Protein backbone atom coordinates (compact mmCIF):
# COMPACT_ATOMS: atom_id res chain seq x y z
CA MET A 1 -36.63 51.97 9.81
CA PRO A 2 -36.48 55.25 7.70
CA SER A 3 -39.46 57.31 7.06
CA GLY A 4 -40.62 57.04 3.64
CA ILE A 5 -42.68 55.82 0.89
CA TYR A 6 -42.98 52.43 0.34
CA LEU A 7 -44.83 49.65 -1.67
CA ILE A 8 -47.01 47.50 0.33
CA GLY A 9 -47.49 44.21 -1.45
CA SER A 10 -50.71 42.05 -0.95
CA CYS A 11 -52.23 38.93 -2.04
CA TYR A 12 -54.92 36.39 -1.64
CA GLU A 13 -55.68 33.28 -3.71
CA ASN A 14 -54.94 34.37 -7.27
CA ALA A 15 -55.23 38.24 -6.66
CA VAL A 16 -51.91 40.36 -6.35
CA ASN A 17 -51.43 43.94 -5.87
CA LEU A 18 -48.68 46.75 -5.11
CA MET A 19 -50.05 50.00 -3.52
CA THR A 20 -47.91 52.94 -2.57
CA ILE A 21 -48.16 53.84 1.05
CA ASN A 22 -46.42 56.58 3.38
CA TRP A 23 -48.32 56.11 6.59
CA VAL A 24 -46.42 53.47 7.86
CA THR A 25 -44.21 53.46 11.13
CA GLN A 26 -42.57 51.12 13.52
CA ILE A 27 -44.09 51.28 17.15
CA SER A 28 -42.03 48.45 19.09
CA SER A 29 -38.72 46.69 18.80
CA GLN A 30 -39.42 43.72 20.88
CA PRO A 31 -41.15 42.03 18.76
CA LYS A 32 -40.63 44.40 15.96
CA ILE A 33 -44.39 46.02 15.17
CA VAL A 34 -45.39 48.22 12.49
CA VAL A 35 -48.62 50.15 12.16
CA ALA A 36 -49.91 51.10 8.47
CA GLY A 37 -52.63 53.27 7.72
CA ILE A 38 -54.42 52.17 4.68
CA GLU A 39 -57.45 53.20 2.96
CA LYS A 40 -60.55 51.22 3.97
CA SER A 41 -62.10 51.04 0.17
CA SER A 42 -58.77 49.92 -1.18
CA HIS A 43 -57.88 46.59 -3.01
CA THR A 44 -54.85 46.21 -0.97
CA MET A 45 -57.13 46.49 2.60
CA ASP A 46 -59.36 43.77 0.93
CA LEU A 47 -56.39 41.35 0.04
CA ILE A 48 -55.00 42.02 3.73
CA GLU A 49 -58.03 41.52 5.50
CA LYS A 50 -58.67 38.09 3.78
CA SER A 51 -54.93 37.18 4.17
CA ASN A 52 -53.82 38.50 7.27
CA LYS A 53 -50.12 39.38 5.85
CA TYR A 54 -48.49 41.91 3.71
CA SER A 55 -45.01 42.83 2.36
CA LEU A 56 -43.36 46.29 2.85
CA ASN A 57 -40.94 47.12 0.10
CA PHE A 58 -38.38 49.68 0.22
CA ILE A 59 -37.48 51.38 -2.97
CA GLN A 60 -34.47 53.84 -3.98
CA MET A 61 -34.51 57.23 -4.55
CA LYS A 62 -33.71 56.73 -8.20
CA ASP A 63 -36.83 54.67 -8.66
CA LYS A 64 -39.43 57.31 -7.58
CA VAL A 65 -41.48 56.66 -10.52
CA LEU A 66 -42.48 53.30 -9.10
CA ALA A 67 -44.28 55.32 -6.46
CA ARG A 68 -46.66 57.01 -8.93
CA THR A 69 -46.98 53.83 -10.99
CA TYR A 70 -48.57 52.11 -7.97
CA ALA A 71 -50.62 55.12 -6.70
CA LYS A 72 -53.38 53.15 -8.54
CA ALA A 73 -54.18 49.40 -8.58
CA ALA A 74 -51.52 47.41 -10.32
CA VAL A 75 -51.89 45.58 -13.57
CA VAL A 76 -51.14 41.82 -12.85
CA ASP A 77 -49.60 39.39 -15.31
CA ILE A 78 -49.18 36.47 -13.16
CA GLU A 79 -47.89 34.27 -16.05
CA GLU A 80 -44.93 36.80 -16.24
CA MET A 81 -44.60 37.39 -12.59
CA ARG A 82 -45.26 41.26 -13.19
CA LEU A 83 -47.25 44.06 -11.47
CA SER A 84 -47.88 47.11 -13.77
CA GLY A 85 -44.76 45.99 -15.96
CA ASN A 86 -42.40 45.41 -13.17
CA LYS A 87 -40.90 41.82 -12.12
CA PHE A 88 -41.83 40.66 -8.78
CA TYR A 89 -41.40 37.44 -6.71
CA PHE A 90 -43.18 36.06 -3.71
CA THR A 91 -41.21 35.33 -0.56
CA GLU A 92 -40.63 31.89 0.68
CA SER A 93 -41.92 32.37 4.32
CA LEU A 94 -45.22 34.22 3.68
CA LYS A 95 -45.62 34.20 -0.05
CA VAL A 96 -46.01 37.80 -0.41
CA PRO A 97 -45.33 39.89 -3.32
CA VAL A 98 -41.99 41.75 -3.65
CA LEU A 99 -40.68 43.87 -6.47
CA GLU A 100 -37.43 42.62 -8.04
CA SER A 101 -36.02 46.37 -7.81
CA ALA A 102 -36.70 46.64 -4.06
CA VAL A 103 -33.68 47.23 -1.95
CA ALA A 104 -35.32 45.60 0.98
CA TYR A 105 -38.71 44.44 2.35
CA PHE A 106 -40.36 43.32 5.40
CA GLU A 107 -42.66 40.34 5.62
CA VAL A 108 -45.62 41.39 8.10
CA SER A 109 -47.97 39.15 9.44
CA VAL A 110 -51.07 40.70 10.70
CA ILE A 111 -51.94 41.22 14.73
CA SER A 112 -54.94 43.23 14.60
CA ILE A 113 -56.67 45.76 12.44
CA THR A 114 -58.61 48.94 13.76
CA ASN A 115 -61.16 50.63 11.77
CA PHE A 116 -61.48 54.43 11.54
CA SER A 117 -63.53 56.71 9.30
CA SER A 118 -61.31 56.42 6.17
CA HIS A 119 -58.44 54.36 6.85
CA ASN A 120 -57.62 51.22 9.15
CA ALA A 121 -54.88 51.12 11.11
CA VAL A 122 -53.06 47.76 10.41
CA PHE A 123 -50.87 46.48 13.10
CA GLY A 124 -48.45 43.80 12.31
CA GLU A 125 -45.50 42.01 13.14
CA VAL A 126 -42.29 41.76 11.25
CA VAL A 127 -41.62 38.01 10.72
CA GLY A 128 -39.03 38.17 8.08
CA GLY A 129 -37.25 40.44 5.55
CA GLU A 130 -34.16 41.03 3.90
CA ILE A 131 -31.78 44.02 2.69
CA ILE A 132 -31.05 42.97 -1.12
CA ASP A 133 -29.08 45.40 -2.10
CA GLU A 134 -25.45 44.45 -0.86
CA SER A 135 -24.15 48.05 -0.85
CA LEU A 136 -27.11 48.92 2.07
CA LYS A 137 -25.79 46.04 4.27
CA GLU A 138 -23.21 48.10 5.71
CA SER A 139 -24.79 50.60 8.07
CA GLN A 140 -28.53 51.44 8.90
CA GLY A 141 -27.58 55.26 7.91
CA GLU A 142 -26.88 54.22 4.51
CA LEU A 143 -30.46 52.67 4.34
CA SER A 144 -32.14 55.88 5.47
CA SER A 145 -30.16 58.03 3.14
CA LYS A 146 -30.86 55.85 -0.12
CA VAL A 147 -34.52 54.97 0.48
CA LEU A 148 -37.22 56.94 -1.19
CA LYS A 149 -38.96 59.24 1.01
CA MET A 150 -42.19 61.54 0.74
CA SER A 151 -40.14 64.45 0.27
CA ASP A 152 -38.11 62.99 -2.52
CA THR A 153 -41.19 63.08 -4.74
CA LYS A 154 -43.83 65.53 -5.45
CA MET A 155 -46.69 63.34 -3.66
CA HIS A 156 -48.43 64.26 -0.63
CA TYR A 157 -50.13 60.86 0.37
CA GLY A 158 -49.95 57.42 -0.43
CA GLY A 159 -52.35 54.80 1.42
């Protein structure tokens, strides 16, 4: 999993959100477990605590404007299936939001949440996902080189 900047998708009942996040890392391969550091007071954290699921959207370097777009709460148009003007859909398995322009995504089922002073460590099992961009399916190295990373932006934090 490339070390980067992602969009974390969350939803519960009629509420849907995407948020920029960079504190995410894989901590196990069998089973595939990731941990995400999410600000306790965020709308995303509230939705994840209620639903116990989220998506992790990988975005291309050329789409770095999306990192800034989702640094604040998304504007939701559920009728048009848009978040802050960008089309999204729900995955088949966990029914979590994925941006149409994402090049790949994970579906994550929450295992546990550890409380810290400003952020929670959200541990989750990757239960699904897809590399959407056909050109990136060839090799992991290609995915790592084309996915947006924090160093590709002027941002210093997302979460």
